[in-house]
N, C-alpha and C. Protein backbone atom coordinates (compact mmCIF):
# COMPACT_ATOMS: atom_id res chain seq x y z
N MET A 1 87.39 99.73 87.62
CA MET A 1 86.05 99.65 87.17
C MET A 1 85.84 98.72 86.19
N ASN A 2 84.68 98.32 85.89
CA ASN A 2 84.27 97.13 84.24
C ASN A 2 83.54 97.32 84.31
N THR A 3 83.47 97.67 82.99
CA THR A 3 82.09 97.92 82.08
C THR A 3 81.76 96.70 80.80
N PHE A 4 80.31 96.47 80.42
CA PHE A 4 79.95 95.78 79.31
C PHE A 4 78.52 95.96 79.05
N GLY A 5 78.90 96.15 77.64
CA GLY A 5 77.65 96.10 76.66
C GLY A 5 77.68 97.80 76.24
N PHE A 6 76.42 98.16 76.01
CA PHE A 6 76.78 99.53 74.47
C PHE A 6 75.59 100.45 75.54
N SER A 7 74.76 101.57 74.81
CA SER A 7 73.95 102.21 74.73
C SER A 7 72.94 101.34 75.03
N LEU A 8 72.03 100.31 74.27
CA LEU A 8 71.42 100.22 74.61
C LEU A 8 70.95 99.03 75.74
N TYR A 9 72.10 98.44 76.30
CA TYR A 9 72.19 97.79 77.75
C TYR A 9 73.81 97.78 78.03
N ARG A 10 73.75 98.14 79.59
CA ARG A 10 75.50 98.67 79.79
C ARG A 10 75.18 98.38 81.06
N GLU A 11 76.60 97.61 81.51
CA GLU A 11 76.94 97.05 82.94
C GLU A 11 78.00 97.44 83.26
N ASN A 12 77.75 98.19 84.38
CA ASN A 12 79.27 99.13 84.86
C ASN A 12 79.21 97.67 86.45
N VAL A 13 80.77 97.71 86.66
CA VAL A 13 81.04 97.40 88.23
C VAL A 13 82.44 97.95 88.48
N ILE A 14 82.46 98.81 89.71
CA ILE A 14 83.03 99.61 90.42
C ILE A 14 83.42 99.14 91.68
N THR A 15 84.24 98.78 91.76
CA THR A 15 85.30 97.74 92.95
C THR A 15 86.23 98.61 94.12
N VAL A 16 86.25 98.42 95.44
CA VAL A 16 87.02 99.11 96.06
C VAL A 16 87.74 98.16 97.01
N SER A 17 88.66 97.92 97.73
CA SER A 17 88.94 96.70 98.17
C SER A 17 89.97 97.14 99.22
N ALA A 18 90.33 96.69 99.95
CA ALA A 18 91.89 96.70 100.44
C ALA A 18 92.39 95.49 101.30
N ALA A 19 93.65 95.20 101.35
CA ALA A 19 93.95 93.70 102.03
C ALA A 19 95.35 93.75 102.95
N PRO A 20 95.35 94.19 104.07
CA PRO A 20 96.12 94.32 104.71
C PRO A 20 97.02 92.85 105.84
N ALA A 21 98.22 92.76 105.80
CA ALA A 21 98.73 91.93 106.34
C ALA A 21 98.67 91.46 107.59
N ILE A 22 98.15 90.90 108.15
CA ILE A 22 97.71 90.63 109.13
C ILE A 22 98.68 90.03 110.06
N ALA A 23 99.66 88.57 109.85
CA ALA A 23 100.86 88.50 109.81
C ALA A 23 101.69 88.38 108.61
N ASN A 24 103.17 87.62 109.11
CA ASN A 24 103.69 88.49 108.20
C ASN A 24 103.70 87.31 107.35
N ASP A 25 102.76 86.11 107.19
CA ASP A 25 102.58 85.20 106.27
C ASP A 25 101.24 85.26 105.46
N ILE A 26 100.12 85.82 106.71
CA ILE A 26 98.80 85.70 106.06
C ILE A 26 98.47 87.67 105.72
N VAL A 27 97.53 87.40 104.58
CA VAL A 27 96.88 88.68 104.23
C VAL A 27 95.05 87.98 104.11
N LEU A 28 94.44 89.21 104.47
CA LEU A 28 93.00 89.22 104.77
C LEU A 28 92.73 90.54 103.89
N GLY A 29 91.50 89.96 103.30
CA GLY A 29 91.14 91.00 102.46
C GLY A 29 89.74 91.49 102.92
N ALA A 30 88.85 92.59 102.29
CA ALA A 30 87.34 92.55 101.65
C ALA A 30 87.19 93.63 100.89
N GLY A 31 86.57 93.69 100.08
CA GLY A 31 86.09 94.66 98.81
C GLY A 31 84.58 94.51 98.75
N ILE A 32 84.53 95.83 97.86
CA ILE A 32 83.02 96.34 98.01
C ILE A 32 82.86 96.70 96.47
N ASN A 33 81.93 95.85 95.56
CA ASN A 33 81.25 96.21 94.21
C ASN A 33 80.60 96.72 94.27
N VAL A 34 80.55 98.03 93.33
CA VAL A 34 79.41 98.77 93.61
C VAL A 34 78.71 98.29 91.67
N TYR A 35 77.66 97.51 91.75
CA TYR A 35 76.60 96.79 90.29
C TYR A 35 76.17 97.75 89.72
N HIS A 36 76.14 98.45 88.85
CA HIS A 36 75.16 99.50 87.87
C HIS A 36 74.63 98.83 86.54
N VAL A 37 73.53 98.69 86.47
CA VAL A 37 72.94 98.17 85.18
C VAL A 37 71.87 99.33 84.47
N SER A 38 72.18 99.70 83.22
CA SER A 38 70.69 100.30 82.17
C SER A 38 70.83 99.68 81.16
N ILE A 39 69.47 99.76 81.23
CA ILE A 39 68.35 99.04 79.63
C ILE A 39 67.93 100.04 79.39
N GLU A 40 67.73 100.37 78.15
CA GLU A 40 67.50 101.63 77.84
C GLU A 40 65.81 101.33 77.51
N ARG A 41 64.77 102.45 78.15
CA ARG A 41 63.78 102.07 78.42
C ARG A 41 62.68 101.86 79.07
N TYR A 42 63.58 100.71 80.23
CA TYR A 42 63.64 99.95 80.91
C TYR A 42 63.87 100.37 82.54
N GLY A 43 64.96 101.30 82.38
CA GLY A 43 65.39 102.36 83.90
C GLY A 43 66.78 101.58 84.31
N THR A 44 67.06 102.19 85.50
CA THR A 44 68.28 101.02 85.86
C THR A 44 68.12 100.60 86.97
N GLU A 45 69.28 99.95 87.43
CA GLU A 45 69.11 99.96 89.07
C GLU A 45 70.57 99.53 89.38
N LEU A 46 70.80 99.73 91.00
CA LEU A 46 72.01 99.35 91.37
C LEU A 46 72.01 98.39 93.07
N ASN A 47 73.18 98.19 92.85
CA ASN A 47 73.49 97.03 94.22
C ASN A 47 74.40 96.85 94.51
N ILE A 48 74.65 96.27 95.60
CA ILE A 48 76.01 96.37 96.58
C ILE A 48 76.34 95.07 96.79
N GLY A 49 77.48 94.49 96.23
CA GLY A 49 78.17 92.88 96.64
C GLY A 49 79.62 93.00 97.84
N ILE A 50 79.60 92.27 98.72
CA ILE A 50 80.51 92.22 99.50
C ILE A 50 81.36 91.21 99.45
N ASP A 51 82.58 91.01 99.27
CA ASP A 51 83.20 90.43 98.73
C ASP A 51 84.35 90.08 100.21
N ILE A 52 84.78 89.36 100.68
CA ILE A 52 86.11 88.64 101.91
C ILE A 52 87.80 87.51 100.99
N GLY A 53 88.22 87.64 101.48
CA GLY A 53 89.43 86.57 100.83
C GLY A 53 90.07 86.56 102.00
N MET A 54 91.98 85.40 101.50
CA MET A 54 92.46 85.42 102.74
C MET A 54 93.69 84.89 101.79
N ILE A 55 95.16 85.31 101.67
CA ILE A 55 96.45 84.22 101.27
C ILE A 55 97.13 84.39 102.24
N ALA A 56 97.38 82.68 102.47
CA ALA A 56 98.30 82.48 103.30
C ALA A 56 99.59 81.65 102.63
N VAL A 57 101.06 82.49 102.93
CA VAL A 57 102.08 81.85 101.82
C VAL A 57 102.83 80.82 103.04
N LEU A 58 102.75 79.55 102.04
CA LEU A 58 102.69 78.54 103.02
C LEU A 58 104.89 78.11 102.18
N SER A 59 105.50 78.99 101.68
CA SER A 59 106.70 78.82 101.70
C SER A 59 106.95 79.67 100.62
N GLU A 60 108.39 79.63 100.28
CA GLU A 60 109.07 80.95 99.69
C GLU A 60 107.96 80.83 97.78
N ASN A 61 107.91 79.34 97.52
CA ASN A 61 107.39 79.25 96.21
C ASN A 61 105.73 79.03 96.59
N ILE A 62 105.03 78.71 97.22
CA ILE A 62 103.81 78.07 97.29
C ILE A 62 102.88 79.18 98.36
N SER A 63 101.71 79.33 97.76
CA SER A 63 100.59 79.95 98.55
C SER A 63 99.35 79.49 98.31
N ILE A 64 98.93 79.98 99.12
CA ILE A 64 96.67 79.36 98.58
C ILE A 64 96.44 80.27 99.05
N GLY A 65 95.15 80.38 98.84
CA GLY A 65 94.30 81.82 98.81
C GLY A 65 93.00 80.93 98.54
N ALA A 66 91.99 82.08 99.53
CA ALA A 66 90.19 81.74 99.00
C ALA A 66 89.39 82.86 99.54
N SER A 67 88.60 82.60 98.92
CA SER A 67 87.82 83.76 98.50
C SER A 67 86.41 83.30 98.45
N LEU A 68 85.48 84.73 98.88
CA LEU A 68 83.95 84.69 98.96
C LEU A 68 83.56 85.59 98.54
N GLN A 69 82.97 85.44 96.51
CA GLN A 69 82.57 86.44 96.16
C GLN A 69 80.69 86.93 96.27
N ASN A 70 80.44 88.15 96.61
CA ASN A 70 78.87 88.69 96.73
C ASN A 70 78.44 87.73 98.03
N LEU A 71 78.94 87.59 99.08
CA LEU A 71 78.54 87.10 100.14
C LEU A 71 76.84 87.08 100.90
N ASN A 72 76.36 88.68 100.40
CA ASN A 72 75.33 89.43 100.71
C ASN A 72 74.04 88.82 99.85
N ARG A 73 74.46 88.15 98.49
CA ARG A 73 73.74 87.65 97.74
C ARG A 73 72.92 88.89 96.86
N PRO A 74 73.68 89.91 96.38
CA PRO A 74 73.00 91.16 95.48
C PRO A 74 72.48 91.02 94.38
N LYS A 75 71.31 91.58 94.22
CA LYS A 75 70.44 91.25 92.73
C LYS A 75 70.10 92.25 92.10
N ILE A 76 69.80 92.16 90.53
CA ILE A 76 69.38 93.08 90.11
C ILE A 76 68.26 92.54 89.39
N GLY A 77 67.21 93.31 89.49
CA GLY A 77 65.81 92.85 89.18
C GLY A 77 65.49 91.46 90.18
N ASN A 78 65.49 90.59 89.72
CA ASN A 78 63.87 89.37 90.49
C ASN A 78 65.51 88.42 90.84
N GLU A 79 64.75 87.39 91.58
CA GLU A 79 65.70 86.40 91.92
C GLU A 79 66.58 85.60 90.64
N GLU A 80 65.71 85.73 89.30
CA GLU A 80 66.61 84.88 88.49
C GLU A 80 67.72 85.67 87.88
N ASN A 81 67.65 86.75 88.70
CA ASN A 81 69.01 87.90 87.86
C ASN A 81 69.65 88.29 88.72
N SER A 82 69.87 86.75 90.38
CA SER A 82 71.04 87.77 90.87
C SER A 82 71.99 87.50 90.54
N ILE A 83 73.26 88.26 91.08
CA ILE A 83 74.61 88.39 90.88
C ILE A 83 75.41 87.35 91.27
N PRO A 84 76.08 86.61 90.20
CA PRO A 84 76.53 85.91 90.61
C PRO A 84 77.54 85.26 92.41
N GLN A 85 77.31 84.30 93.61
CA GLN A 85 77.49 84.14 94.37
C GLN A 85 78.58 83.03 94.29
N THR A 86 80.20 83.57 94.25
CA THR A 86 80.91 82.00 93.90
C THR A 86 82.02 81.69 95.20
N ILE A 87 82.49 80.78 95.61
CA ILE A 87 83.64 80.19 96.26
C ILE A 87 84.91 80.08 95.32
N LEU A 88 86.00 80.46 95.97
CA LEU A 88 87.06 79.77 95.24
C LEU A 88 88.31 79.92 95.88
N SER A 89 88.92 79.48 95.87
CA SER A 89 90.19 78.25 96.45
C SER A 89 91.18 77.90 95.48
N GLY A 90 92.03 78.38 95.68
CA GLY A 90 93.15 78.03 94.76
C GLY A 90 94.55 77.96 95.09
N ILE A 91 96.03 78.10 94.55
CA ILE A 91 96.97 77.65 94.97
C ILE A 91 97.91 78.49 93.89
N SER A 92 98.65 78.64 94.11
CA SER A 92 100.61 79.57 93.22
C SER A 92 101.41 79.19 93.54
N PHE A 93 101.86 78.57 92.79
CA PHE A 93 103.32 78.57 92.47
C PHE A 93 104.56 79.05 91.91
N SER A 94 104.96 79.15 92.39
CA SER A 94 106.54 80.08 91.79
C SER A 94 107.56 79.65 91.23
N PRO A 95 107.59 78.56 90.33
CA PRO A 95 109.46 78.20 90.25
C PRO A 95 110.19 79.00 89.88
N LEU A 96 110.48 79.94 89.51
CA LEU A 96 110.96 81.30 89.03
C LEU A 96 110.42 82.60 89.97
N SER A 97 111.34 83.13 90.21
CA SER A 97 111.16 84.24 91.60
C SER A 97 110.25 85.67 90.26
N ASN A 98 110.46 85.17 88.70
CA ASN A 98 109.79 86.04 88.16
C ASN A 98 108.29 85.51 87.34
N ALA A 99 107.60 84.09 87.82
CA ALA A 99 107.42 83.63 86.99
C ALA A 99 106.56 82.96 87.62
N SER A 100 105.02 82.77 87.73
CA SER A 100 104.15 81.70 88.35
C SER A 100 102.95 80.90 87.49
N ILE A 101 102.22 79.53 88.37
CA ILE A 101 101.39 78.98 87.85
C ILE A 101 100.42 78.95 88.77
N ASP A 102 99.34 79.43 88.42
CA ASP A 102 98.07 78.92 89.72
C ASP A 102 97.27 78.50 88.95
N ILE A 103 96.60 77.79 89.91
CA ILE A 103 95.21 76.89 89.59
C ILE A 103 94.47 76.87 90.67
N ASP A 104 92.67 77.67 90.58
CA ASP A 104 91.95 77.58 91.57
C ASP A 104 90.61 76.68 90.83
N VAL A 105 90.07 76.20 91.59
CA VAL A 105 87.95 75.50 91.86
C VAL A 105 87.49 76.89 92.01
N MET A 106 86.93 77.19 91.23
CA MET A 106 85.22 77.47 91.55
C MET A 106 83.70 77.20 91.50
N LYS A 107 83.27 77.72 93.01
CA LYS A 107 81.96 76.98 92.60
C LYS A 107 80.79 77.68 93.03
N ASP A 108 80.07 78.60 91.71
CA ASP A 108 78.82 78.94 91.54
C ASP A 108 77.64 78.76 92.49
N ILE A 109 76.77 79.58 93.56
CA ILE A 109 76.27 78.28 93.93
C ILE A 109 75.36 77.77 93.17
N HIS A 110 74.92 78.16 91.85
CA HIS A 110 73.98 78.00 90.94
C HIS A 110 74.51 76.72 89.94
N TYR A 111 76.18 77.00 90.19
CA TYR A 111 76.51 75.90 88.95
C TYR A 111 77.74 75.05 89.67
N PRO A 112 77.73 74.14 88.60
CA PRO A 112 78.93 72.83 89.29
C PRO A 112 80.50 73.56 89.33
N LEU A 113 80.93 72.83 90.17
CA LEU A 113 82.34 73.57 90.33
C LEU A 113 82.99 73.25 89.31
N SER A 114 84.06 74.34 88.56
CA SER A 114 84.85 74.65 87.61
C SER A 114 86.52 74.78 88.50
N TYR A 115 87.15 74.68 86.94
CA TYR A 115 88.42 74.88 88.00
C TYR A 115 89.25 76.19 86.49
N ARG A 116 90.09 76.61 86.69
CA ARG A 116 90.87 77.50 85.98
C ARG A 116 92.50 77.69 86.63
N ILE A 117 93.04 77.35 85.19
CA ILE A 117 95.19 77.64 85.48
C ILE A 117 95.56 78.90 84.65
N GLY A 118 96.40 79.43 84.99
CA GLY A 118 97.00 80.65 84.74
C GLY A 118 98.63 80.93 84.97
N LEU A 119 98.81 80.90 83.82
CA LEU A 119 100.20 81.58 83.50
C LEU A 119 100.83 82.83 83.75
N GLU A 120 101.83 83.38 84.37
CA GLU A 120 102.03 84.57 84.79
C GLU A 120 103.49 84.83 85.09
N PHE A 121 104.14 85.70 84.28
CA PHE A 121 105.53 85.26 83.75
C PHE A 121 106.16 87.53 83.84
N SER A 122 106.99 87.72 84.52
CA SER A 122 106.88 89.49 84.35
C SER A 122 108.48 89.56 83.53
N PRO A 123 109.17 89.16 83.01
CA PRO A 123 110.07 89.40 81.71
C PRO A 123 110.69 90.70 81.83
N LEU A 124 109.90 92.03 82.04
CA LEU A 124 110.82 92.94 83.10
C LEU A 124 110.37 93.61 84.51
N GLU A 125 110.62 94.29 85.33
CA GLU A 125 109.98 94.91 86.30
C GLU A 125 108.86 94.98 86.46
N LYS A 126 109.30 95.87 85.79
CA LYS A 126 107.59 96.33 85.95
C LYS A 126 106.64 96.27 84.44
N CYS A 127 106.93 95.24 83.82
CA CYS A 127 106.01 94.43 83.00
C CYS A 127 105.68 92.79 83.43
N THR A 128 104.31 92.37 83.20
CA THR A 128 103.71 91.56 83.21
C THR A 128 102.97 90.66 82.45
N VAL A 129 103.30 89.54 81.60
CA VAL A 129 102.38 88.72 80.67
C VAL A 129 101.64 87.76 81.19
N ARG A 130 100.37 87.58 80.83
CA ARG A 130 99.71 86.74 81.85
C ARG A 130 98.56 85.69 80.26
N GLY A 131 98.33 84.40 80.67
CA GLY A 131 97.60 83.79 80.29
C GLY A 131 96.85 82.92 80.87
N GLY A 132 95.42 82.31 80.29
CA GLY A 132 94.55 81.36 81.21
C GLY A 132 93.77 80.72 80.58
N PHE A 133 93.61 79.66 81.16
CA PHE A 133 92.33 78.75 80.92
C PHE A 133 91.54 78.29 81.95
N HIS A 134 89.89 78.39 81.08
CA HIS A 134 88.66 78.75 82.36
C HIS A 134 88.12 77.15 81.50
N GLU A 135 87.77 76.34 82.25
CA GLU A 135 87.43 74.43 81.55
C GLU A 135 85.87 74.74 81.37
N ASP A 136 85.32 75.21 82.31
CA ASP A 136 83.90 75.75 82.38
C ASP A 136 83.44 76.10 81.23
N ASP A 137 84.05 76.60 79.98
CA ASP A 137 83.28 76.64 79.02
C ASP A 137 84.71 77.09 78.06
N SER A 138 85.71 76.40 78.59
CA SER A 138 86.71 76.43 77.17
C SER A 138 87.31 77.92 76.96
N ARG A 139 87.36 78.69 77.51
CA ARG A 139 87.86 79.90 77.37
C ARG A 139 89.36 79.96 77.67
N LEU A 140 90.24 80.92 76.62
CA LEU A 140 91.17 81.47 76.55
C LEU A 140 91.62 82.66 76.82
N PHE A 141 92.08 83.02 78.05
CA PHE A 141 92.70 84.39 78.28
C PHE A 141 94.28 84.76 78.00
N GLY A 142 94.42 86.12 77.92
CA GLY A 142 95.93 86.43 77.82
C GLY A 142 95.65 88.00 78.24
N GLY A 143 97.09 88.47 78.36
CA GLY A 143 97.37 89.95 78.85
C GLY A 143 98.34 90.41 78.98
N ILE A 144 98.53 91.51 79.02
CA ILE A 144 99.40 92.22 79.56
C ILE A 144 99.26 93.73 80.63
N GLY A 145 100.12 93.54 81.66
CA GLY A 145 100.28 94.82 83.07
C GLY A 145 101.33 95.79 82.84
N PHE A 146 101.24 96.69 83.05
CA PHE A 146 102.87 97.76 83.38
C PHE A 146 102.22 98.51 84.94
N SER A 147 103.26 98.67 85.38
CA SER A 147 103.61 99.19 86.52
C SER A 147 104.09 100.97 86.36
N ILE A 148 103.46 101.26 86.96
CA ILE A 148 104.18 103.33 86.21
C ILE A 148 104.16 103.74 88.21
N SER A 149 104.45 103.86 88.83
CA SER A 149 104.89 104.46 89.82
C SER A 149 103.54 104.01 90.91
N ILE A 150 102.49 104.41 91.01
CA ILE A 150 101.70 103.82 92.07
C ILE A 150 100.34 103.40 91.17
N PHE A 151 100.49 103.49 89.68
CA PHE A 151 99.46 103.10 88.83
C PHE A 151 100.01 101.70 88.61
N GLN A 152 98.99 100.74 87.80
CA GLN A 152 99.00 99.25 87.53
C GLN A 152 97.94 99.76 86.16
N PHE A 153 98.30 99.19 85.18
CA PHE A 153 97.77 99.61 83.90
C PHE A 153 97.70 98.01 83.60
N ASP A 154 96.20 97.69 83.56
CA ASP A 154 96.50 95.98 82.41
C ASP A 154 95.69 96.02 81.49
N TYR A 155 95.79 95.27 79.93
CA TYR A 155 95.06 94.69 79.24
C TYR A 155 94.72 93.67 79.46
N GLY A 156 93.48 93.30 78.60
CA GLY A 156 93.37 91.88 79.07
C GLY A 156 92.06 91.27 77.49
N ILE A 157 92.57 90.46 76.97
CA ILE A 157 91.51 89.68 75.74
C ILE A 157 91.01 88.20 76.02
N SER A 158 89.58 87.73 76.28
CA SER A 158 89.35 86.21 75.90
C SER A 158 88.64 85.86 74.72
N THR A 159 88.81 84.97 74.89
CA THR A 159 87.04 84.20 73.71
C THR A 159 86.59 83.79 74.44
N HIS A 160 85.10 84.32 73.72
CA HIS A 160 83.80 84.10 74.46
C HIS A 160 82.83 83.18 73.38
N THR A 161 82.43 81.95 73.95
CA THR A 161 81.86 81.62 72.87
C THR A 161 80.66 82.39 72.07
N GLU A 162 80.26 83.49 72.74
CA GLU A 162 78.89 84.12 71.94
C GLU A 162 79.15 85.61 71.52
N LEU A 163 80.24 85.85 72.48
CA LEU A 163 80.99 87.30 72.11
C LEU A 163 82.14 87.51 71.48
N GLY A 164 82.25 86.32 71.33
CA GLY A 164 83.75 86.08 69.96
C GLY A 164 84.85 86.88 70.87
N LEU A 165 86.06 87.66 70.70
CA LEU A 165 86.99 88.02 70.94
C LEU A 165 86.37 89.15 72.09
N THR A 166 86.66 89.28 73.75
CA THR A 166 86.18 89.72 74.51
C THR A 166 87.88 90.67 75.14
N HIS A 167 87.95 92.24 74.92
CA HIS A 167 88.47 93.06 75.50
C HIS A 167 88.58 93.55 76.74
N SER A 168 89.44 93.59 77.54
CA SER A 168 89.36 94.43 78.86
C SER A 168 90.60 95.41 79.33
N ILE A 169 90.25 96.48 79.90
CA ILE A 169 91.10 97.30 80.57
C ILE A 169 90.76 97.31 81.82
N GLY A 170 92.15 97.36 82.89
CA GLY A 170 92.04 97.79 84.34
C GLY A 170 93.12 98.92 84.48
N ILE A 171 92.43 100.01 85.51
CA ILE A 171 93.74 101.13 86.06
C ILE A 171 93.45 100.48 87.38
N SER A 172 94.33 100.51 88.15
CA SER A 172 94.44 100.37 89.57
C SER A 172 95.21 100.99 90.68
N ILE A 173 95.26 101.94 91.48
CA ILE A 173 95.93 102.15 92.30
C ILE A 173 96.48 101.32 93.31
N ILE A 174 98.24 101.37 93.47
CA ILE A 174 98.88 100.46 94.68
C ILE A 174 99.50 101.11 95.34
N PRO A 175 99.21 101.74 96.38
CA PRO A 175 99.98 103.00 97.48
C PRO A 175 101.46 102.17 97.81
């Protein structure tokens, strides 16, 4: 679940996804996003978005992937408030068994192509440190994640041109 805003304006997104392996080196996935927006004195609106994606392992150190997000073009309100529909494609290179360098390109159907670069390092078996850069608006990202049993707990922080430092918390169940 992802929440943004405060009592006067709040956006919530709940995502449920699954990604089974269809072969030794290929994983296909699908996700459903439930979008909810609430604006005090104006009401609320709910919509559902559908994502699909795949990852292919090319070698022990290199993987590629692609995804289509919000295939069904969900909207909150009118056409001007459509939820971003994006196409992503990327490559991951692991120079060490506990580290990766990730580069992707993203195309929102309404905006120019942009790229992102990320680094991930796991100094301990159950701990991962992350950092990244988004070219589109020169945003910096950082975070840390911990695995405990079937739970993954993540904390992230990013710079934002209008909002300043933005924090996020994630909890995932990985059976």
